[in-house]
Amino acid sequence: MVADERDEIFAVQDKHLVRSVTPAPGRGKPYVHRCSQSSFESIAHAVDESDDNEGFTLEELAERARLPHTQVAVALAFLKERGCVVTRYRRCFANGPAVFEDAMCEFHALLEEQSRTKSS
């Protein structure tokens, strides 16, 4: 880990996307936040409904999906990591015409990856 970067790990546990973050040294304490699968699905739909030209912020997405900022932040970080969402000029944009489908593929790919790792 580079001195000013944090370590971020995603997992699926009990139908929740789990984001575990270890901040850079001296930048705070490790934390874990969760996003239910149903909330994740709602967030992915909300991304699909966003204006392709305007993009969105985390706050706008939370308002559109009517979900807590924490759950939206978990989902959005995962969607960015997996390339479903990109950031330009401090706004987020869907990285394709079907974010919901891509998001669900990535969610289930993570779950399958974990299953293979556990059985090894």
N, C-alpha and C. Protein backbone atom coordinates (compact mmCIF):
# COMPACT_ATOMS: atom_id res chain seq x y z
N MET A 1 0.86 -1.18 0.00
CA MET A 1 0.00 0.00 0.00
C MET A 1 0.90 1.24 0.00
N VAL A 2 0.66 2.17 -0.91
CA VAL A 2 1.38 3.43 -0.97
C VAL A 2 0.98 4.25 0.25
N ALA A 3 1.90 5.06 0.75
CA ALA A 3 1.71 5.77 2.01
C ALA A 3 0.41 6.58 2.08
N ASP A 4 -0.06 7.17 0.99
CA ASP A 4 -1.26 7.99 1.06
C ASP A 4 -2.51 7.29 0.50
N GLU A 5 -2.42 5.99 0.26
CA GLU A 5 -3.57 5.24 -0.25
C GLU A 5 -4.18 4.38 0.84
N ARG A 6 -5.44 4.07 0.66
CA ARG A 6 -6.10 3.16 1.59
C ARG A 6 -6.26 1.81 0.91
N ASP A 7 -6.46 0.80 1.73
CA ASP A 7 -6.69 -0.56 1.24
C ASP A 7 -8.19 -0.81 1.32
N GLU A 8 -8.77 -1.20 0.19
CA GLU A 8 -10.22 -1.39 0.12
C GLU A 8 -10.49 -2.79 -0.42
N ILE A 9 -11.33 -3.55 0.31
CA ILE A 9 -11.66 -4.92 -0.09
C ILE A 9 -13.18 -5.06 -0.09
N PHE A 10 -13.69 -5.70 -1.15
CA PHE A 10 -15.12 -5.97 -1.25
C PHE A 10 -15.38 -7.46 -1.08
N ALA A 11 -16.51 -7.77 -0.46
CA ALA A 11 -16.94 -9.17 -0.29
C ALA A 11 -18.46 -9.19 -0.29
N VAL A 12 -19.01 -10.37 -0.47
CA VAL A 12 -20.46 -10.56 -0.34
C VAL A 12 -20.68 -11.48 0.84
N GLN A 13 -21.47 -11.02 1.82
CA GLN A 13 -21.79 -11.80 3.01
C GLN A 13 -23.28 -11.65 3.31
N ASP A 14 -23.95 -12.77 3.43
CA ASP A 14 -25.37 -12.75 3.81
C ASP A 14 -26.19 -11.79 2.95
N LYS A 15 -26.02 -11.88 1.63
CA LYS A 15 -26.74 -11.04 0.66
C LYS A 15 -26.47 -9.55 0.85
N HIS A 16 -25.28 -9.21 1.32
CA HIS A 16 -24.85 -7.83 1.46
C HIS A 16 -23.49 -7.66 0.79
N LEU A 17 -23.32 -6.55 0.08
CA LEU A 17 -22.01 -6.17 -0.42
C LEU A 17 -21.31 -5.48 0.74
N VAL A 18 -20.12 -5.97 1.08
CA VAL A 18 -19.39 -5.47 2.24
C VAL A 18 -18.11 -4.80 1.76
N ARG A 19 -17.89 -3.59 2.22
CA ARG A 19 -16.69 -2.82 1.88
C ARG A 19 -15.87 -2.64 3.15
N SER A 20 -14.67 -3.21 3.15
CA SER A 20 -13.75 -3.09 4.29
C SER A 20 -12.62 -2.17 3.87
N VAL A 21 -12.42 -1.11 4.64
CA VAL A 21 -11.41 -0.11 4.29
C VAL A 21 -10.40 0.03 5.43
N THR A 22 -9.14 -0.04 5.05
CA THR A 22 -8.05 0.25 5.97
C THR A 22 -7.40 1.53 5.45
N PRO A 23 -7.60 2.66 6.16
CA PRO A 23 -7.03 3.93 5.69
C PRO A 23 -5.51 3.91 5.70
N ALA A 24 -4.93 4.85 4.97
CA ALA A 24 -3.48 5.01 4.99
C ALA A 24 -3.05 5.29 6.43
N PRO A 25 -1.82 4.93 6.78
CA PRO A 25 -1.33 5.18 8.14
C PRO A 25 -1.53 6.64 8.54
N GLY A 26 -2.07 6.81 9.75
CA GLY A 26 -2.30 8.14 10.28
C GLY A 26 -3.55 8.83 9.74
N ARG A 27 -4.37 8.12 8.98
CA ARG A 27 -5.54 8.72 8.35
C ARG A 27 -6.86 8.20 8.94
N GLY A 28 -6.84 7.58 10.07
CA GLY A 28 -8.08 7.10 10.67
C GLY A 28 -8.05 5.61 10.94
N LYS A 29 -9.18 5.11 11.41
CA LYS A 29 -9.30 3.70 11.78
C LYS A 29 -9.97 2.91 10.67
N PRO A 30 -9.67 1.62 10.61
CA PRO A 30 -10.36 0.75 9.63
C PRO A 30 -11.87 0.75 9.91
N TYR A 31 -12.62 0.57 8.84
CA TYR A 31 -14.07 0.49 8.99
C TYR A 31 -14.67 -0.48 7.98
N VAL A 32 -15.89 -0.89 8.27
CA VAL A 32 -16.64 -1.80 7.40
C VAL A 32 -18.04 -1.23 7.24
N HIS A 33 -18.49 -1.13 5.98
CA HIS A 33 -19.85 -0.70 5.68
C HIS A 33 -20.49 -1.73 4.78
N ARG A 34 -21.82 -1.80 4.83
CA ARG A 34 -22.56 -2.81 4.07
C ARG A 34 -23.64 -2.15 3.21
N CYS A 35 -23.99 -2.87 2.16
CA CYS A 35 -25.09 -2.47 1.28
C CYS A 35 -25.86 -3.73 0.94
N SER A 36 -27.14 -3.77 1.27
CA SER A 36 -27.94 -4.97 0.99
C SER A 36 -28.02 -5.18 -0.53
N GLN A 37 -28.25 -6.42 -0.92
CA GLN A 37 -28.36 -6.74 -2.33
C GLN A 37 -29.52 -5.97 -2.97
N SER A 38 -30.63 -5.88 -2.27
CA SER A 38 -31.77 -5.15 -2.83
C SER A 38 -31.45 -3.66 -3.01
N SER A 39 -30.72 -3.08 -2.06
CA SER A 39 -30.30 -1.69 -2.20
C SER A 39 -29.32 -1.54 -3.35
N PHE A 40 -28.41 -2.49 -3.48
CA PHE A 40 -27.44 -2.47 -4.58
C PHE A 40 -28.17 -2.48 -5.92
N GLU A 41 -29.19 -3.31 -6.03
CA GLU A 41 -29.98 -3.38 -7.26
C GLU A 41 -30.68 -2.04 -7.55
N SER A 42 -31.24 -1.43 -6.51
CA SER A 42 -31.90 -0.13 -6.68
C SER A 42 -30.91 0.95 -7.11
N ILE A 43 -29.73 0.90 -6.56
CA ILE A 43 -28.69 1.88 -6.91
C ILE A 43 -28.25 1.69 -8.36
N ALA A 44 -28.07 0.46 -8.77
CA ALA A 44 -27.68 0.19 -10.16
C ALA A 44 -28.77 0.67 -11.13
N HIS A 45 -30.03 0.48 -10.78
CA HIS A 45 -31.13 0.99 -11.61
C HIS A 45 -31.09 2.53 -11.65
N ALA A 46 -30.82 3.15 -10.51
CA ALA A 46 -30.75 4.61 -10.44
C ALA A 46 -29.62 5.15 -11.31
N VAL A 47 -28.50 4.43 -11.38
CA VAL A 47 -27.41 4.83 -12.26
C VAL A 47 -27.88 4.77 -13.71
N ASP A 48 -28.57 3.69 -14.06
CA ASP A 48 -29.10 3.56 -15.43
C ASP A 48 -30.05 4.70 -15.79
N GLU A 49 -30.77 5.20 -14.80
CA GLU A 49 -31.75 6.26 -15.05
C GLU A 49 -31.13 7.65 -15.07
N SER A 50 -29.84 7.75 -14.76
CA SER A 50 -29.19 9.06 -14.72
C SER A 50 -29.01 9.61 -16.12
N ASP A 51 -28.92 10.92 -16.21
CA ASP A 51 -28.72 11.62 -17.48
C ASP A 51 -27.28 11.40 -17.93
N ASP A 52 -27.12 10.80 -19.09
CA ASP A 52 -25.78 10.49 -19.60
C ASP A 52 -24.90 11.72 -19.75
N ASN A 53 -25.50 12.86 -20.03
CA ASN A 53 -24.72 14.08 -20.25
C ASN A 53 -24.38 14.82 -18.96
N GLU A 54 -25.23 14.69 -17.96
CA GLU A 54 -25.05 15.43 -16.71
C GLU A 54 -24.28 14.64 -15.66
N GLY A 55 -24.39 13.32 -15.68
CA GLY A 55 -23.77 12.51 -14.64
C GLY A 55 -24.49 12.70 -13.32
N PHE A 56 -23.83 12.31 -12.23
CA PHE A 56 -24.46 12.39 -10.91
C PHE A 56 -23.39 12.40 -9.83
N THR A 57 -23.77 12.81 -8.64
CA THR A 57 -22.91 12.73 -7.46
C THR A 57 -23.48 11.66 -6.53
N LEU A 58 -22.72 11.31 -5.54
CA LEU A 58 -23.20 10.34 -4.55
C LEU A 58 -24.49 10.85 -3.90
N GLU A 59 -24.52 12.12 -3.56
CA GLU A 59 -25.69 12.70 -2.90
C GLU A 59 -26.92 12.62 -3.80
N GLU A 60 -26.75 12.94 -5.09
CA GLU A 60 -27.87 12.87 -6.02
C GLU A 60 -28.35 11.44 -6.20
N LEU A 61 -27.41 10.51 -6.25
CA LEU A 61 -27.78 9.10 -6.40
C LEU A 61 -28.53 8.60 -5.16
N ALA A 62 -28.07 9.00 -3.97
CA ALA A 62 -28.75 8.60 -2.73
C ALA A 62 -30.17 9.14 -2.70
N GLU A 63 -30.34 10.38 -3.16
CA GLU A 63 -31.68 10.97 -3.19
C GLU A 63 -32.56 10.25 -4.21
N ARG A 64 -32.01 9.97 -5.39
CA ARG A 64 -32.79 9.29 -6.44
C ARG A 64 -33.20 7.89 -5.99
N ALA A 65 -32.27 7.18 -5.34
CA ALA A 65 -32.55 5.81 -4.91
C ALA A 65 -33.29 5.76 -3.57
N ARG A 66 -33.36 6.90 -2.88
CA ARG A 66 -33.99 6.99 -1.55
C ARG A 66 -33.38 5.99 -0.56
N LEU A 67 -32.04 6.03 -0.53
CA LEU A 67 -31.29 5.12 0.34
C LEU A 67 -30.25 5.90 1.14
N PRO A 68 -29.79 5.34 2.26
CA PRO A 68 -28.77 6.00 3.06
C PRO A 68 -27.47 6.19 2.27
N HIS A 69 -26.81 7.31 2.52
CA HIS A 69 -25.55 7.63 1.83
C HIS A 69 -24.51 6.52 2.00
N THR A 70 -24.48 5.90 3.17
CA THR A 70 -23.49 4.86 3.42
C THR A 70 -23.65 3.69 2.46
N GLN A 71 -24.88 3.24 2.27
CA GLN A 71 -25.11 2.13 1.35
C GLN A 71 -24.79 2.53 -0.09
N VAL A 72 -25.15 3.74 -0.47
CA VAL A 72 -24.85 4.22 -1.82
C VAL A 72 -23.35 4.34 -2.02
N ALA A 73 -22.63 4.80 -1.00
CA ALA A 73 -21.17 4.92 -1.10
C ALA A 73 -20.52 3.56 -1.32
N VAL A 74 -21.00 2.53 -0.64
CA VAL A 74 -20.47 1.17 -0.81
C VAL A 74 -20.70 0.70 -2.24
N ALA A 75 -21.94 0.83 -2.70
CA ALA A 75 -22.28 0.38 -4.05
C ALA A 75 -21.51 1.16 -5.11
N LEU A 76 -21.42 2.47 -4.95
CA LEU A 76 -20.75 3.30 -5.92
C LEU A 76 -19.25 2.99 -5.99
N ALA A 77 -18.63 2.77 -4.84
CA ALA A 77 -17.20 2.42 -4.83
C ALA A 77 -16.97 1.10 -5.56
N PHE A 78 -17.86 0.13 -5.35
CA PHE A 78 -17.75 -1.16 -6.03
C PHE A 78 -17.95 -0.99 -7.54
N LEU A 79 -18.96 -0.21 -7.93
CA LEU A 79 -19.22 0.01 -9.35
C LEU A 79 -18.06 0.72 -10.03
N LYS A 80 -17.40 1.62 -9.32
CA LYS A 80 -16.22 2.28 -9.87
C LYS A 80 -15.06 1.30 -10.01
N GLU A 81 -14.84 0.51 -8.96
CA GLU A 81 -13.74 -0.45 -8.99
C GLU A 81 -13.91 -1.44 -10.15
N ARG A 82 -15.13 -1.85 -10.42
CA ARG A 82 -15.40 -2.84 -11.46
C ARG A 82 -15.60 -2.22 -12.84
N GLY A 83 -15.47 -0.90 -12.95
CA GLY A 83 -15.55 -0.25 -14.25
C GLY A 83 -16.95 0.02 -14.77
N CYS A 84 -17.96 -0.15 -13.93
CA CYS A 84 -19.34 0.10 -14.36
C CYS A 84 -19.66 1.59 -14.35
N VAL A 85 -18.93 2.33 -13.52
CA VAL A 85 -19.12 3.77 -13.37
C VAL A 85 -17.74 4.42 -13.46
N VAL A 86 -17.67 5.56 -14.12
CA VAL A 86 -16.41 6.31 -14.20
C VAL A 86 -16.62 7.71 -13.64
N THR A 87 -15.54 8.34 -13.21
CA THR A 87 -15.60 9.69 -12.68
C THR A 87 -14.87 10.64 -13.62
N ARG A 88 -15.56 11.72 -13.97
CA ARG A 88 -14.96 12.79 -14.77
C ARG A 88 -15.39 14.12 -14.15
N TYR A 89 -14.40 14.95 -13.88
CA TYR A 89 -14.68 16.29 -13.35
C TYR A 89 -15.56 16.25 -12.10
N ARG A 90 -15.24 15.32 -11.22
CA ARG A 90 -15.91 15.17 -9.91
C ARG A 90 -17.37 14.72 -10.00
N ARG A 91 -17.78 14.25 -11.17
CA ARG A 91 -19.13 13.69 -11.33
C ARG A 91 -18.98 12.26 -11.84
N CYS A 92 -19.95 11.44 -11.52
CA CYS A 92 -19.93 10.04 -11.94
C CYS A 92 -20.82 9.87 -13.18
N PHE A 93 -20.41 8.90 -14.01
CA PHE A 93 -21.15 8.60 -15.23
C PHE A 93 -21.22 7.10 -15.42
N ALA A 94 -22.35 6.64 -15.96
CA ALA A 94 -22.48 5.23 -16.32
C ALA A 94 -21.45 4.94 -17.40
N ASN A 95 -20.78 3.82 -17.31
CA ASN A 95 -19.76 3.44 -18.29
C ASN A 95 -20.36 2.40 -19.24
N GLY A 96 -21.46 2.74 -19.85
CA GLY A 96 -22.13 1.83 -20.77
C GLY A 96 -23.62 1.98 -20.66
N PRO A 97 -24.34 1.35 -21.57
CA PRO A 97 -25.78 1.52 -21.63
C PRO A 97 -26.58 0.66 -20.64
N ALA A 98 -25.96 -0.31 -20.01
CA ALA A 98 -26.70 -1.25 -19.15
C ALA A 98 -25.95 -1.51 -17.85
N VAL A 99 -25.88 -0.50 -17.01
CA VAL A 99 -25.14 -0.63 -15.75
C VAL A 99 -25.77 -1.69 -14.85
N PHE A 100 -27.10 -1.75 -14.81
CA PHE A 100 -27.73 -2.74 -13.94
C PHE A 100 -27.24 -4.15 -14.25
N GLU A 101 -27.25 -4.52 -15.51
CA GLU A 101 -26.81 -5.87 -15.91
C GLU A 101 -25.34 -6.08 -15.56
N ASP A 102 -24.50 -5.08 -15.86
CA ASP A 102 -23.08 -5.19 -15.54
C ASP A 102 -22.87 -5.29 -14.03
N ALA A 103 -23.61 -4.48 -13.28
CA ALA A 103 -23.48 -4.48 -11.82
C ALA A 103 -23.84 -5.84 -11.23
N MET A 104 -24.92 -6.43 -11.72
CA MET A 104 -25.33 -7.73 -11.20
C MET A 104 -24.34 -8.82 -11.59
N CYS A 105 -23.79 -8.73 -12.79
CA CYS A 105 -22.75 -9.70 -13.19
C CYS A 105 -21.55 -9.59 -12.25
N GLU A 106 -21.14 -8.36 -11.94
CA GLU A 106 -19.98 -8.16 -11.06
C GLU A 106 -20.28 -8.62 -9.63
N PHE A 107 -21.49 -8.36 -9.14
CA PHE A 107 -21.89 -8.80 -7.80
C PHE A 107 -21.79 -10.33 -7.70
N HIS A 108 -22.36 -11.01 -8.70
CA HIS A 108 -22.36 -12.47 -8.67
C HIS A 108 -20.99 -13.05 -8.99
N ALA A 109 -20.19 -12.34 -9.78
CA ALA A 109 -18.82 -12.79 -10.03
C ALA A 109 -18.00 -12.74 -8.74
N LEU A 110 -18.20 -11.69 -7.95
CA LEU A 110 -17.51 -11.60 -6.66
C LEU A 110 -17.93 -12.73 -5.74
N LEU A 111 -19.21 -13.01 -5.71
CA LEU A 111 -19.74 -14.10 -4.89
C LEU A 111 -19.15 -15.44 -5.33
N GLU A 112 -19.10 -15.68 -6.63
CA GLU A 112 -18.54 -16.93 -7.16
C GLU A 112 -17.04 -17.03 -6.88
N GLU A 113 -16.35 -15.92 -7.03
CA GLU A 113 -14.90 -15.87 -6.75
C GLU A 113 -14.64 -16.26 -5.29
N GLN A 114 -15.46 -15.75 -4.39
CA GLN A 114 -15.33 -16.10 -2.97
C GLN A 114 -15.58 -17.59 -2.76
N SER A 115 -16.58 -18.14 -3.43
CA SER A 115 -16.91 -19.56 -3.29
C SER A 115 -15.75 -20.43 -3.73
N ARG A 116 -15.13 -20.05 -4.85
CA ARG A 116 -13.97 -20.83 -5.35
C ARG A 116 -12.80 -20.74 -4.39
N THR A 117 -12.59 -19.56 -3.82
CA THR A 117 -11.48 -19.35 -2.88
C THR A 117 -11.69 -20.18 -1.62
N LYS A 118 -12.93 -20.23 -1.12
CA LYS A 118 -13.23 -21.01 0.09
C LYS A 118 -13.08 -22.50 -0.13
N SER A 119 -13.42 -22.97 -1.33
CA SER A 119 -13.36 -24.41 -1.58
C SER A 119 -11.96 -24.89 -1.95
N SER A 120 -11.04 -23.95 -2.16
CA SER A 120 -9.66 -24.33 -2.51
C SER A 120 -8.85 -24.72 -1.29
